[in-house]
Amino acid sequence: MKNDTETTTIRARGKLLLTGEYAVLDGAQALALPVRYGQTLEVQGSSDTEKLHWESIDEQGITWFSAVFALPAFDLLEFTSVFTAERLQGILAACRKQNPEFLTGTTGWQVRIRTDFPRRWGLGTSSTLIAALARWASVDPYAVLFDTFGGSGLRYCLRLCRRAPGVPAGGKTTSRAARPFFTGICGPVVFCF
């Protein structure tokens, strides 16, 4: 962020697995489509120093989870769900593991993540969260995934991409490769392995 008072907005698109929903977790091939639905992370500096205020908002505009973390240790001060708070705490710690400077200053932060689809649809609420947080922290989402949830990495092939899925800036492929399979009206269909 250039300025702590600026709002940084990061969009992560969901995915629709057409084949291999669970087999892909064991290394099977899968066919997936990026969808227009996803989550938007909004980050802004706060006057409440050394605290991270978190709010998760559903597709109807209702806050379904909130928490306050003490920085820099990510100690839980307040939360509406212990399970969700501890999961988020783990994701933030995984980001810090890769980028030791992430959220270490005295700045306070207000973070909102908004989903534009019902979480029960299975379009990737956890993976879009990790993808957006990894971009904010300037870290590798695959490493965050494996440090927190495990999994195939397929979900990240379709996140945050403005170029061919799975190919970051500079054209180097990630540890999990993705190749464009077909480009149609709905965007690229991607064959990931």
N, C-alpha and C. Protein backbone atom coordinates (compact mmCIF):
# COMPACT_ATOMS: atom_id res chain seq x y z
N MET A 1 0.84 -1.17 0.00
CA MET A 1 0.00 0.00 0.00
C MET A 1 0.89 1.24 0.00
N LYS A 2 0.54 2.19 -0.80
CA LYS A 2 1.31 3.43 -0.88
C LYS A 2 1.09 4.30 0.35
N ASN A 3 -0.11 4.29 0.88
CA ASN A 3 -0.49 5.18 1.95
C ASN A 3 -1.44 4.42 2.87
N ASP A 4 -1.22 4.47 4.17
CA ASP A 4 -2.06 3.72 5.10
C ASP A 4 -3.51 4.17 5.12
N THR A 5 -3.80 5.37 4.60
CA THR A 5 -5.19 5.83 4.57
C THR A 5 -5.89 5.44 3.27
N GLU A 6 -5.14 4.98 2.28
CA GLU A 6 -5.73 4.50 1.03
C GLU A 6 -6.39 3.16 1.26
N THR A 7 -7.44 2.90 0.49
CA THR A 7 -8.05 1.57 0.52
C THR A 7 -7.45 0.75 -0.61
N THR A 8 -6.94 -0.41 -0.27
CA THR A 8 -6.46 -1.35 -1.27
C THR A 8 -7.56 -2.37 -1.48
N THR A 9 -7.88 -2.63 -2.75
CA THR A 9 -8.93 -3.59 -3.09
C THR A 9 -8.33 -4.71 -3.93
N ILE A 10 -8.58 -5.93 -3.52
CA ILE A 10 -8.05 -7.11 -4.21
C ILE A 10 -9.21 -8.05 -4.50
N ARG A 11 -9.35 -8.45 -5.75
CA ARG A 11 -10.43 -9.35 -6.18
C ARG A 11 -9.88 -10.73 -6.46
N ALA A 12 -10.55 -11.76 -5.98
CA ALA A 12 -10.19 -13.15 -6.25
C ALA A 12 -11.43 -13.86 -6.76
N ARG A 13 -11.32 -14.44 -7.94
CA ARG A 13 -12.46 -15.12 -8.57
C ARG A 13 -12.60 -16.55 -8.09
N GLY A 14 -13.85 -16.99 -8.03
CA GLY A 14 -14.14 -18.37 -7.66
C GLY A 14 -13.91 -19.31 -8.83
N LYS A 15 -14.10 -20.60 -8.57
CA LYS A 15 -13.92 -21.62 -9.60
C LYS A 15 -15.08 -22.61 -9.56
N LEU A 16 -15.32 -23.22 -10.69
CA LEU A 16 -16.32 -24.28 -10.77
C LEU A 16 -15.60 -25.50 -11.32
N LEU A 17 -15.45 -26.51 -10.49
CA LEU A 17 -14.81 -27.75 -10.94
C LEU A 17 -15.86 -28.58 -11.68
N LEU A 18 -15.56 -28.90 -12.93
CA LEU A 18 -16.48 -29.71 -13.73
C LEU A 18 -16.23 -31.19 -13.51
N THR A 19 -14.98 -31.55 -13.26
CA THR A 19 -14.62 -32.94 -13.00
C THR A 19 -13.58 -32.98 -11.90
N GLY A 20 -13.51 -34.08 -11.19
CA GLY A 20 -12.43 -34.32 -10.26
C GLY A 20 -12.48 -33.55 -8.96
N GLU A 21 -13.65 -33.14 -8.48
CA GLU A 21 -13.77 -32.30 -7.29
C GLU A 21 -12.94 -32.81 -6.11
N TYR A 22 -13.02 -34.08 -5.79
CA TYR A 22 -12.27 -34.60 -4.65
C TYR A 22 -11.03 -35.38 -5.08
N ALA A 23 -11.07 -36.00 -6.24
CA ALA A 23 -9.92 -36.76 -6.72
C ALA A 23 -8.71 -35.86 -6.96
N VAL A 24 -8.96 -34.59 -7.30
CA VAL A 24 -7.85 -33.67 -7.55
C VAL A 24 -7.01 -33.46 -6.30
N LEU A 25 -7.60 -33.65 -5.13
CA LEU A 25 -6.85 -33.52 -3.88
C LEU A 25 -5.76 -34.58 -3.77
N ASP A 26 -5.94 -35.68 -4.51
CA ASP A 26 -4.94 -36.75 -4.51
C ASP A 26 -4.10 -36.74 -5.77
N GLY A 27 -4.14 -35.64 -6.53
CA GLY A 27 -3.29 -35.51 -7.70
C GLY A 27 -3.93 -35.83 -9.03
N ALA A 28 -5.22 -36.14 -9.06
CA ALA A 28 -5.90 -36.43 -10.32
C ALA A 28 -6.07 -35.16 -11.14
N GLN A 29 -6.28 -35.34 -12.44
CA GLN A 29 -6.53 -34.19 -13.30
C GLN A 29 -7.96 -33.72 -13.10
N ALA A 30 -8.19 -32.43 -13.37
CA ALA A 30 -9.52 -31.86 -13.19
C ALA A 30 -9.76 -30.80 -14.25
N LEU A 31 -11.01 -30.62 -14.58
CA LEU A 31 -11.42 -29.60 -15.52
C LEU A 31 -12.20 -28.55 -14.74
N ALA A 32 -11.78 -27.28 -14.85
CA ALA A 32 -12.38 -26.23 -14.04
C ALA A 32 -12.61 -24.98 -14.87
N LEU A 33 -13.60 -24.21 -14.45
CA LEU A 33 -13.90 -22.92 -15.06
C LEU A 33 -13.77 -21.81 -14.03
N PRO A 34 -13.14 -20.70 -14.40
CA PRO A 34 -13.24 -19.55 -13.50
C PRO A 34 -14.64 -18.98 -13.64
N VAL A 35 -15.17 -18.45 -12.57
CA VAL A 35 -16.51 -17.87 -12.61
C VAL A 35 -16.42 -16.39 -12.26
N ARG A 36 -17.47 -15.67 -12.56
CA ARG A 36 -17.46 -14.23 -12.28
C ARG A 36 -17.63 -13.95 -10.79
N TYR A 37 -18.14 -14.91 -10.05
CA TYR A 37 -18.32 -14.74 -8.61
C TYR A 37 -16.98 -14.87 -7.90
N GLY A 38 -16.87 -14.26 -6.74
CA GLY A 38 -15.64 -14.36 -5.98
C GLY A 38 -15.73 -13.55 -4.71
N GLN A 39 -14.57 -13.14 -4.23
CA GLN A 39 -14.50 -12.31 -3.02
C GLN A 39 -13.62 -11.10 -3.29
N THR A 40 -13.95 -10.03 -2.60
CA THR A 40 -13.18 -8.79 -2.70
C THR A 40 -12.66 -8.43 -1.32
N LEU A 41 -11.35 -8.30 -1.22
CA LEU A 41 -10.69 -7.91 0.02
C LEU A 41 -10.44 -6.41 -0.02
N GLU A 42 -10.90 -5.71 1.00
CA GLU A 42 -10.69 -4.26 1.11
C GLU A 42 -9.87 -4.01 2.37
N VAL A 43 -8.73 -3.34 2.21
CA VAL A 43 -7.80 -3.12 3.31
C VAL A 43 -7.54 -1.62 3.44
N GLN A 44 -7.64 -1.13 4.67
CA GLN A 44 -7.37 0.28 4.92
C GLN A 44 -6.70 0.43 6.28
N GLY A 45 -5.78 1.38 6.38
CA GLY A 45 -5.16 1.68 7.65
C GLY A 45 -6.20 2.17 8.64
N SER A 46 -5.93 1.95 9.93
CA SER A 46 -6.86 2.32 11.00
C SER A 46 -6.12 3.10 12.07
N SER A 47 -6.84 3.96 12.76
CA SER A 47 -6.23 4.71 13.86
C SER A 47 -6.06 3.84 15.11
N ASP A 48 -6.66 2.67 15.12
CA ASP A 48 -6.54 1.74 16.25
C ASP A 48 -5.23 0.96 16.07
N THR A 49 -4.12 1.55 16.54
CA THR A 49 -2.79 1.02 16.26
C THR A 49 -2.59 -0.39 16.80
N GLU A 50 -1.76 -1.11 16.09
CA GLU A 50 -1.36 -2.47 16.43
C GLU A 50 -2.54 -3.43 16.59
N LYS A 51 -3.60 -3.17 15.84
CA LYS A 51 -4.75 -4.08 15.83
C LYS A 51 -5.22 -4.27 14.39
N LEU A 52 -5.68 -5.48 14.13
CA LEU A 52 -6.27 -5.81 12.84
C LEU A 52 -7.74 -6.11 13.10
N HIS A 53 -8.61 -5.27 12.56
CA HIS A 53 -10.06 -5.47 12.66
C HIS A 53 -10.51 -6.17 11.39
N TRP A 54 -11.14 -7.32 11.53
CA TRP A 54 -11.53 -8.15 10.39
C TRP A 54 -13.05 -8.27 10.35
N GLU A 55 -13.60 -8.20 9.15
CA GLU A 55 -15.04 -8.39 8.95
C GLU A 55 -15.26 -9.18 7.67
N SER A 56 -16.01 -10.28 7.76
CA SER A 56 -16.38 -11.10 6.61
C SER A 56 -17.87 -10.86 6.33
N ILE A 57 -18.18 -10.47 5.09
CA ILE A 57 -19.53 -10.06 4.73
C ILE A 57 -20.05 -10.98 3.62
N ASP A 58 -21.27 -11.48 3.78
CA ASP A 58 -21.82 -12.40 2.78
C ASP A 58 -22.46 -11.65 1.60
N GLU A 59 -23.02 -12.42 0.69
CA GLU A 59 -23.59 -11.85 -0.55
C GLU A 59 -24.80 -10.96 -0.30
N GLN A 60 -25.39 -11.05 0.89
CA GLN A 60 -26.54 -10.21 1.23
C GLN A 60 -26.13 -8.97 2.03
N GLY A 61 -24.81 -8.79 2.22
CA GLY A 61 -24.33 -7.64 2.96
C GLY A 61 -24.33 -7.82 4.47
N ILE A 62 -24.52 -9.04 4.92
CA ILE A 62 -24.58 -9.35 6.35
C ILE A 62 -23.21 -9.83 6.83
N THR A 63 -22.74 -9.27 7.94
CA THR A 63 -21.48 -9.71 8.53
C THR A 63 -21.71 -11.07 9.18
N TRP A 64 -21.02 -12.08 8.70
CA TRP A 64 -21.17 -13.43 9.25
C TRP A 64 -20.00 -13.79 10.17
N PHE A 65 -18.92 -13.01 10.13
CA PHE A 65 -17.79 -13.24 11.01
C PHE A 65 -17.05 -11.93 11.22
N SER A 66 -16.58 -11.71 12.45
CA SER A 66 -15.73 -10.57 12.73
C SER A 66 -14.73 -10.96 13.82
N ALA A 67 -13.59 -10.28 13.80
CA ALA A 67 -12.56 -10.55 14.80
C ALA A 67 -11.65 -9.34 14.93
N VAL A 68 -10.97 -9.27 16.05
CA VAL A 68 -9.93 -8.27 16.27
C VAL A 68 -8.70 -9.05 16.73
N PHE A 69 -7.58 -8.78 16.03
CA PHE A 69 -6.30 -9.41 16.34
C PHE A 69 -5.33 -8.34 16.85
N ALA A 70 -4.55 -8.67 17.87
CA ALA A 70 -3.47 -7.79 18.31
C ALA A 70 -2.27 -8.06 17.41
N LEU A 71 -1.66 -7.00 16.93
CA LEU A 71 -0.49 -7.12 16.07
C LEU A 71 0.75 -6.79 16.90
N PRO A 72 1.87 -7.38 16.63
CA PRO A 72 2.16 -8.20 15.47
C PRO A 72 1.94 -9.70 15.68
N ALA A 73 1.54 -10.15 16.85
CA ALA A 73 1.49 -11.59 17.17
C ALA A 73 0.23 -12.30 16.67
N PHE A 74 -0.76 -11.56 16.16
CA PHE A 74 -2.05 -12.14 15.75
C PHE A 74 -2.81 -12.76 16.91
N ASP A 75 -2.61 -12.22 18.11
CA ASP A 75 -3.36 -12.70 19.27
C ASP A 75 -4.83 -12.33 19.09
N LEU A 76 -5.72 -13.26 19.40
CA LEU A 76 -7.15 -13.02 19.28
C LEU A 76 -7.65 -12.21 20.47
N LEU A 77 -8.26 -11.07 20.18
CA LEU A 77 -8.82 -10.22 21.23
C LEU A 77 -10.34 -10.36 21.29
N GLU A 78 -10.98 -10.40 20.11
CA GLU A 78 -12.43 -10.54 20.00
C GLU A 78 -12.71 -11.38 18.76
N PHE A 79 -13.80 -12.15 18.79
CA PHE A 79 -14.19 -12.93 17.61
C PHE A 79 -15.61 -13.44 17.78
N THR A 80 -16.24 -13.72 16.65
CA THR A 80 -17.61 -14.25 16.70
C THR A 80 -17.64 -15.76 16.51
N SER A 81 -16.54 -16.35 16.07
CA SER A 81 -16.43 -17.80 15.92
C SER A 81 -14.99 -18.19 16.19
N VAL A 82 -14.76 -19.03 17.19
CA VAL A 82 -13.40 -19.42 17.53
C VAL A 82 -12.78 -20.23 16.39
N PHE A 83 -13.54 -21.13 15.77
CA PHE A 83 -13.01 -21.94 14.67
C PHE A 83 -12.53 -21.05 13.52
N THR A 84 -13.38 -20.13 13.09
CA THR A 84 -13.04 -19.25 11.97
C THR A 84 -11.89 -18.33 12.35
N ALA A 85 -11.89 -17.82 13.57
CA ALA A 85 -10.82 -16.92 14.02
C ALA A 85 -9.48 -17.64 14.03
N GLU A 86 -9.46 -18.87 14.52
CA GLU A 86 -8.20 -19.62 14.56
C GLU A 86 -7.73 -20.00 13.16
N ARG A 87 -8.67 -20.29 12.27
CA ARG A 87 -8.30 -20.60 10.88
C ARG A 87 -7.69 -19.36 10.22
N LEU A 88 -8.32 -18.21 10.40
CA LEU A 88 -7.80 -16.97 9.84
C LEU A 88 -6.45 -16.62 10.46
N GLN A 89 -6.32 -16.83 11.75
CA GLN A 89 -5.05 -16.60 12.44
C GLN A 89 -3.94 -17.44 11.80
N GLY A 90 -4.25 -18.68 11.46
CA GLY A 90 -3.28 -19.56 10.80
C GLY A 90 -2.90 -19.09 9.41
N ILE A 91 -3.87 -18.57 8.67
CA ILE A 91 -3.60 -18.06 7.32
C ILE A 91 -2.71 -16.82 7.41
N LEU A 92 -3.03 -15.92 8.33
CA LEU A 92 -2.21 -14.72 8.51
C LEU A 92 -0.78 -15.10 8.92
N ALA A 93 -0.64 -16.07 9.80
CA ALA A 93 0.69 -16.53 10.23
C ALA A 93 1.45 -17.16 9.07
N ALA A 94 0.74 -17.89 8.20
CA ALA A 94 1.39 -18.50 7.03
C ALA A 94 1.88 -17.42 6.06
N CYS A 95 1.13 -16.34 5.94
CA CYS A 95 1.59 -15.20 5.12
C CYS A 95 2.83 -14.58 5.74
N ARG A 96 2.84 -14.42 7.05
CA ARG A 96 3.99 -13.84 7.75
C ARG A 96 5.22 -14.75 7.60
N LYS A 97 5.01 -16.06 7.61
CA LYS A 97 6.12 -17.00 7.47
C LYS A 97 6.90 -16.72 6.19
N GLN A 98 6.19 -16.38 5.11
CA GLN A 98 6.85 -16.08 3.83
C GLN A 98 7.34 -14.65 3.74
N ASN A 99 6.63 -13.74 4.39
CA ASN A 99 6.98 -12.32 4.34
C ASN A 99 7.05 -11.82 5.79
N PRO A 100 8.23 -11.90 6.41
CA PRO A 100 8.36 -11.55 7.83
C PRO A 100 7.96 -10.11 8.16
N GLU A 101 7.87 -9.24 7.16
CA GLU A 101 7.48 -7.84 7.41
C GLU A 101 5.96 -7.64 7.37
N PHE A 102 5.20 -8.65 6.97
CA PHE A 102 3.75 -8.53 6.82
C PHE A 102 3.10 -8.25 8.18
N LEU A 103 2.43 -7.12 8.29
CA LEU A 103 1.68 -6.70 9.48
C LEU A 103 2.54 -6.65 10.75
N THR A 104 3.76 -6.14 10.62
CA THR A 104 4.64 -6.07 11.79
C THR A 104 4.79 -4.65 12.34
N GLY A 105 4.37 -3.63 11.62
CA GLY A 105 4.53 -2.26 12.09
C GLY A 105 3.51 -1.90 13.15
N THR A 106 3.46 -0.63 13.47
CA THR A 106 2.52 -0.16 14.49
C THR A 106 1.18 0.26 13.90
N THR A 107 1.06 0.20 12.57
CA THR A 107 -0.19 0.59 11.92
C THR A 107 -1.31 -0.35 12.32
N GLY A 108 -2.49 0.20 12.50
CA GLY A 108 -3.69 -0.61 12.68
C GLY A 108 -4.33 -0.82 11.32
N TRP A 109 -5.14 -1.85 11.19
CA TRP A 109 -5.75 -2.18 9.90
C TRP A 109 -7.22 -2.51 10.05
N GLN A 110 -8.00 -2.09 9.07
CA GLN A 110 -9.41 -2.47 8.94
C GLN A 110 -9.50 -3.29 7.67
N VAL A 111 -9.93 -4.54 7.78
CA VAL A 111 -10.00 -5.44 6.63
C VAL A 111 -11.43 -5.95 6.51
N ARG A 112 -11.96 -5.86 5.30
CA ARG A 112 -13.28 -6.43 5.00
C ARG A 112 -13.13 -7.35 3.80
N ILE A 113 -13.73 -8.53 3.89
CA ILE A 113 -13.78 -9.39 2.72
C ILE A 113 -15.24 -9.64 2.42
N ARG A 114 -15.60 -9.37 1.18
CA ARG A 114 -17.00 -9.47 0.75
C ARG A 114 -17.11 -10.57 -0.30
N THR A 115 -18.02 -11.49 -0.05
CA THR A 115 -18.30 -12.52 -1.04
C THR A 115 -19.55 -12.13 -1.80
N ASP A 116 -19.59 -12.46 -3.08
CA ASP A 116 -20.79 -12.14 -3.86
C ASP A 116 -21.52 -13.41 -4.30
N PHE A 117 -21.29 -14.50 -3.56
CA PHE A 117 -22.03 -15.75 -3.80
C PHE A 117 -22.26 -16.45 -2.47
N PRO A 118 -23.32 -17.24 -2.37
CA PRO A 118 -23.54 -17.99 -1.12
C PRO A 118 -22.38 -18.95 -0.86
N ARG A 119 -21.86 -18.95 0.34
CA ARG A 119 -20.71 -19.79 0.68
C ARG A 119 -20.97 -21.27 0.44
N ARG A 120 -22.19 -21.69 0.55
CA ARG A 120 -22.52 -23.12 0.38
C ARG A 120 -22.44 -23.57 -1.08
N TRP A 121 -22.28 -22.64 -2.03
CA TRP A 121 -22.20 -23.01 -3.44
C TRP A 121 -20.93 -23.79 -3.77
N GLY A 122 -19.90 -23.69 -2.96
CA GLY A 122 -18.67 -24.44 -3.24
C GLY A 122 -17.81 -23.84 -4.33
N LEU A 123 -17.87 -22.53 -4.51
CA LEU A 123 -17.07 -21.88 -5.55
C LEU A 123 -15.70 -21.44 -5.05
N GLY A 124 -15.39 -21.72 -3.79
CA GLY A 124 -14.05 -21.45 -3.30
C GLY A 124 -13.92 -20.31 -2.32
N THR A 125 -14.69 -20.32 -1.24
CA THR A 125 -14.55 -19.23 -0.26
C THR A 125 -13.19 -19.27 0.43
N SER A 126 -12.70 -20.45 0.77
CA SER A 126 -11.39 -20.51 1.43
C SER A 126 -10.27 -20.19 0.45
N SER A 127 -10.37 -20.69 -0.75
CA SER A 127 -9.29 -20.45 -1.71
C SER A 127 -9.26 -19.00 -2.19
N THR A 128 -10.42 -18.37 -2.34
CA THR A 128 -10.41 -16.96 -2.72
C THR A 128 -9.88 -16.11 -1.58
N LEU A 129 -10.17 -16.50 -0.35
CA LEU A 129 -9.61 -15.81 0.81
C LEU A 129 -8.09 -15.90 0.80
N ILE A 130 -7.56 -17.10 0.63
CA ILE A 130 -6.11 -17.28 0.62
C ILE A 130 -5.48 -16.53 -0.55
N ALA A 131 -6.10 -16.60 -1.71
CA ALA A 131 -5.54 -15.91 -2.87
C ALA A 131 -5.47 -14.41 -2.65
N ALA A 132 -6.53 -13.83 -2.10
CA ALA A 132 -6.55 -12.38 -1.86
C ALA A 132 -5.56 -11.98 -0.77
N LEU A 133 -5.53 -12.73 0.33
CA LEU A 133 -4.58 -12.42 1.41
C LEU A 133 -3.13 -12.57 0.93
N ALA A 134 -2.87 -13.59 0.14
CA ALA A 134 -1.51 -13.79 -0.37
C ALA A 134 -1.08 -12.63 -1.26
N ARG A 135 -2.01 -12.12 -2.06
CA ARG A 135 -1.66 -10.96 -2.89
C ARG A 135 -1.36 -9.76 -2.00
N TRP A 136 -2.19 -9.51 -0.99
CA TRP A 136 -1.96 -8.39 -0.08
C TRP A 136 -0.60 -8.52 0.61
N ALA A 137 -0.27 -9.73 1.04
CA ALA A 137 0.98 -9.97 1.76
C ALA A 137 2.18 -10.13 0.84
N SER A 138 1.94 -10.15 -0.47
CA SER A 138 3.00 -10.35 -1.47
C SER A 138 3.72 -11.68 -1.25
N VAL A 139 2.93 -12.75 -1.13
CA VAL A 139 3.49 -14.08 -0.91
C VAL A 139 2.86 -15.07 -1.89
N ASP A 140 3.38 -16.28 -1.90
CA ASP A 140 2.93 -17.35 -2.78
C ASP A 140 1.69 -18.03 -2.18
N PRO A 141 0.54 -17.96 -2.87
CA PRO A 141 -0.67 -18.58 -2.31
C PRO A 141 -0.56 -20.09 -2.15
N TYR A 142 0.25 -20.75 -3.00
CA TYR A 142 0.41 -22.20 -2.86
C TYR A 142 1.05 -22.55 -1.52
N ALA A 143 2.06 -21.81 -1.14
CA ALA A 143 2.72 -22.07 0.15
C ALA A 143 1.76 -21.82 1.31
N VAL A 144 0.95 -20.78 1.21
CA VAL A 144 -0.05 -20.50 2.24
C VAL A 144 -1.06 -21.65 2.30
N LEU A 145 -1.50 -22.10 1.14
CA LEU A 145 -2.44 -23.24 1.06
C LEU A 145 -1.88 -24.46 1.78
N PHE A 146 -0.66 -24.84 1.45
CA PHE A 146 -0.10 -26.05 2.02
C PHE A 146 0.22 -25.90 3.50
N ASP A 147 0.52 -24.68 3.95
CA ASP A 147 0.76 -24.45 5.37
C ASP A 147 -0.53 -24.43 6.20
N THR A 148 -1.67 -24.26 5.55
CA THR A 148 -2.92 -24.11 6.29
C THR A 148 -3.95 -25.20 5.99
N PHE A 149 -4.31 -25.37 4.73
CA PHE A 149 -5.38 -26.29 4.36
C PHE A 149 -4.89 -27.57 3.71
N GLY A 150 -3.69 -27.58 3.14
CA GLY A 150 -3.28 -28.69 2.30
C GLY A 150 -4.04 -28.57 0.99
N GLY A 151 -4.13 -29.59 0.20
CA GLY A 151 -4.93 -29.54 -1.02
C GLY A 151 -4.11 -29.61 -2.27
N SER A 152 -4.78 -29.49 -3.40
CA SER A 152 -4.19 -29.75 -4.71
C SER A 152 -3.50 -28.56 -5.33
N GLY A 153 -3.90 -27.37 -4.97
CA GLY A 153 -3.38 -26.19 -5.64
C GLY A 153 -4.20 -25.81 -6.86
N LEU A 154 -5.13 -26.65 -7.28
CA LEU A 154 -5.96 -26.36 -8.45
C LEU A 154 -6.71 -25.05 -8.28
N ARG A 155 -7.24 -24.85 -7.08
CA ARG A 155 -8.07 -23.67 -6.85
C ARG A 155 -7.31 -22.39 -7.13
N TYR A 156 -6.00 -22.37 -6.96
CA TYR A 156 -5.24 -21.15 -7.16
C TYR A 156 -4.88 -20.92 -8.61
N CYS A 157 -5.01 -21.95 -9.44
CA CYS A 157 -4.77 -21.76 -10.87
C CYS A 157 -5.77 -20.77 -11.45
N LEU A 158 -6.94 -20.67 -10.85
CA LEU A 158 -8.00 -19.85 -11.41
C LEU A 158 -8.21 -18.53 -10.69
N ARG A 159 -7.51 -18.28 -9.61
CA ARG A 159 -7.69 -17.06 -8.84
C ARG A 159 -7.00 -15.88 -9.49
N LEU A 160 -7.11 -14.72 -9.16
CA LEU A 160 -6.29 -13.54 -9.41
C LEU A 160 -5.63 -13.42 -10.78
N CYS A 161 -5.94 -14.33 -11.74
CA CYS A 161 -5.22 -14.34 -13.01
C CYS A 161 -5.71 -13.25 -13.94
N ARG A 162 -4.76 -12.51 -14.50
CA ARG A 162 -5.05 -11.56 -15.57
C ARG A 162 -4.40 -12.05 -16.84
N ARG A 163 -3.61 -13.09 -16.73
CA ARG A 163 -2.93 -13.71 -17.86
C ARG A 163 -3.33 -15.17 -17.84
N ALA A 164 -2.66 -16.02 -18.57
CA ALA A 164 -3.00 -17.44 -18.59
C ALA A 164 -2.98 -17.99 -17.17
N PRO A 165 -4.02 -18.72 -16.76
CA PRO A 165 -4.07 -19.25 -15.40
C PRO A 165 -2.81 -20.03 -15.06
N GLY A 166 -2.30 -19.81 -13.86
CA GLY A 166 -1.14 -20.53 -13.38
C GLY A 166 0.18 -19.94 -13.84
N VAL A 167 0.15 -18.88 -14.67
CA VAL A 167 1.38 -18.28 -15.16
C VAL A 167 1.50 -16.88 -14.58
N PRO A 168 2.39 -16.68 -13.62
CA PRO A 168 2.54 -15.38 -12.99
C PRO A 168 3.28 -14.39 -13.89
N ALA A 169 3.37 -13.15 -13.45
CA ALA A 169 4.11 -12.14 -14.19
C ALA A 169 5.52 -12.66 -14.45
N GLY A 170 6.03 -12.40 -15.62
CA GLY A 170 7.35 -12.88 -15.99
C GLY A 170 7.29 -14.19 -16.73
N GLY A 171 6.12 -14.83 -16.78
CA GLY A 171 5.92 -16.03 -17.58
C GLY A 171 6.41 -17.32 -16.97
N LYS A 172 6.97 -17.31 -15.76
CA LYS A 172 7.41 -18.55 -15.13
C LYS A 172 6.21 -19.28 -14.56
N THR A 173 6.15 -20.58 -14.78
CA THR A 173 5.01 -21.33 -14.27
C THR A 173 5.18 -21.60 -12.79
N THR A 174 4.05 -21.76 -12.11
CA THR A 174 4.06 -22.05 -10.68
C THR A 174 4.31 -23.54 -10.48
N SER A 175 4.37 -23.97 -9.22
CA SER A 175 4.64 -25.36 -8.93
C SER A 175 3.51 -26.27 -9.43
N ARG A 176 2.33 -25.75 -9.54
CA ARG A 176 1.22 -26.49 -10.12
C ARG A 176 0.92 -25.85 -11.47
N ALA A 177 1.06 -26.59 -12.54
CA ALA A 177 0.91 -26.02 -13.87
C ALA A 177 -0.55 -25.98 -14.29
N ALA A 178 -0.89 -25.02 -15.10
CA ALA A 178 -2.22 -24.91 -15.68
C ALA A 178 -2.05 -24.52 -17.13
N ARG A 179 -2.84 -25.10 -18.00
CA ARG A 179 -2.75 -24.76 -19.41
C ARG A 179 -4.12 -24.37 -19.91
N PRO A 180 -4.20 -23.31 -20.73
CA PRO A 180 -5.49 -22.99 -21.33
C PRO A 180 -5.94 -24.17 -22.19
N PHE A 181 -7.17 -24.59 -22.03
CA PHE A 181 -7.71 -25.73 -22.75
C PHE A 181 -8.67 -25.26 -23.83
N PHE A 182 -9.46 -24.26 -23.52
CA PHE A 182 -10.44 -23.72 -24.45
C PHE A 182 -10.82 -22.33 -23.96
N THR A 183 -10.97 -21.41 -24.90
CA THR A 183 -11.42 -20.08 -24.52
C THR A 183 -12.78 -19.87 -25.17
N GLY A 184 -13.76 -19.57 -24.36
CA GLY A 184 -15.10 -19.37 -24.85
C GLY A 184 -15.73 -18.14 -24.25
N ILE A 185 -17.02 -18.06 -24.32
CA ILE A 185 -17.74 -16.90 -23.83
C ILE A 185 -17.52 -16.69 -22.34
N CYS A 186 -17.45 -17.75 -21.57
CA CYS A 186 -17.32 -17.65 -20.11
C CYS A 186 -15.89 -17.48 -19.64
N GLY A 187 -14.93 -17.36 -20.53
CA GLY A 187 -13.53 -17.26 -20.14
C GLY A 187 -12.85 -18.58 -20.39
N PRO A 188 -11.59 -18.69 -20.00
CA PRO A 188 -10.86 -19.91 -20.30
C PRO A 188 -11.35 -21.09 -19.48
N VAL A 189 -11.43 -22.23 -20.14
CA VAL A 189 -11.60 -23.51 -19.43
C VAL A 189 -10.18 -23.98 -19.23
N VAL A 190 -9.85 -24.43 -18.04
CA VAL A 190 -8.46 -24.72 -17.72
C VAL A 190 -8.32 -26.17 -17.33
N PHE A 191 -7.30 -26.81 -17.87
CA PHE A 191 -6.97 -28.16 -17.50
C PHE A 191 -5.79 -28.07 -16.55
N CYS A 192 -5.98 -28.38 -15.30
CA CYS A 192 -4.92 -28.28 -14.29
C CYS A 192 -4.50 -29.65 -13.86
N PHE A 193 -3.24 -29.75 -13.53
CA PHE A 193 -2.74 -31.04 -13.02
C PHE A 193 -1.64 -30.80 -12.03
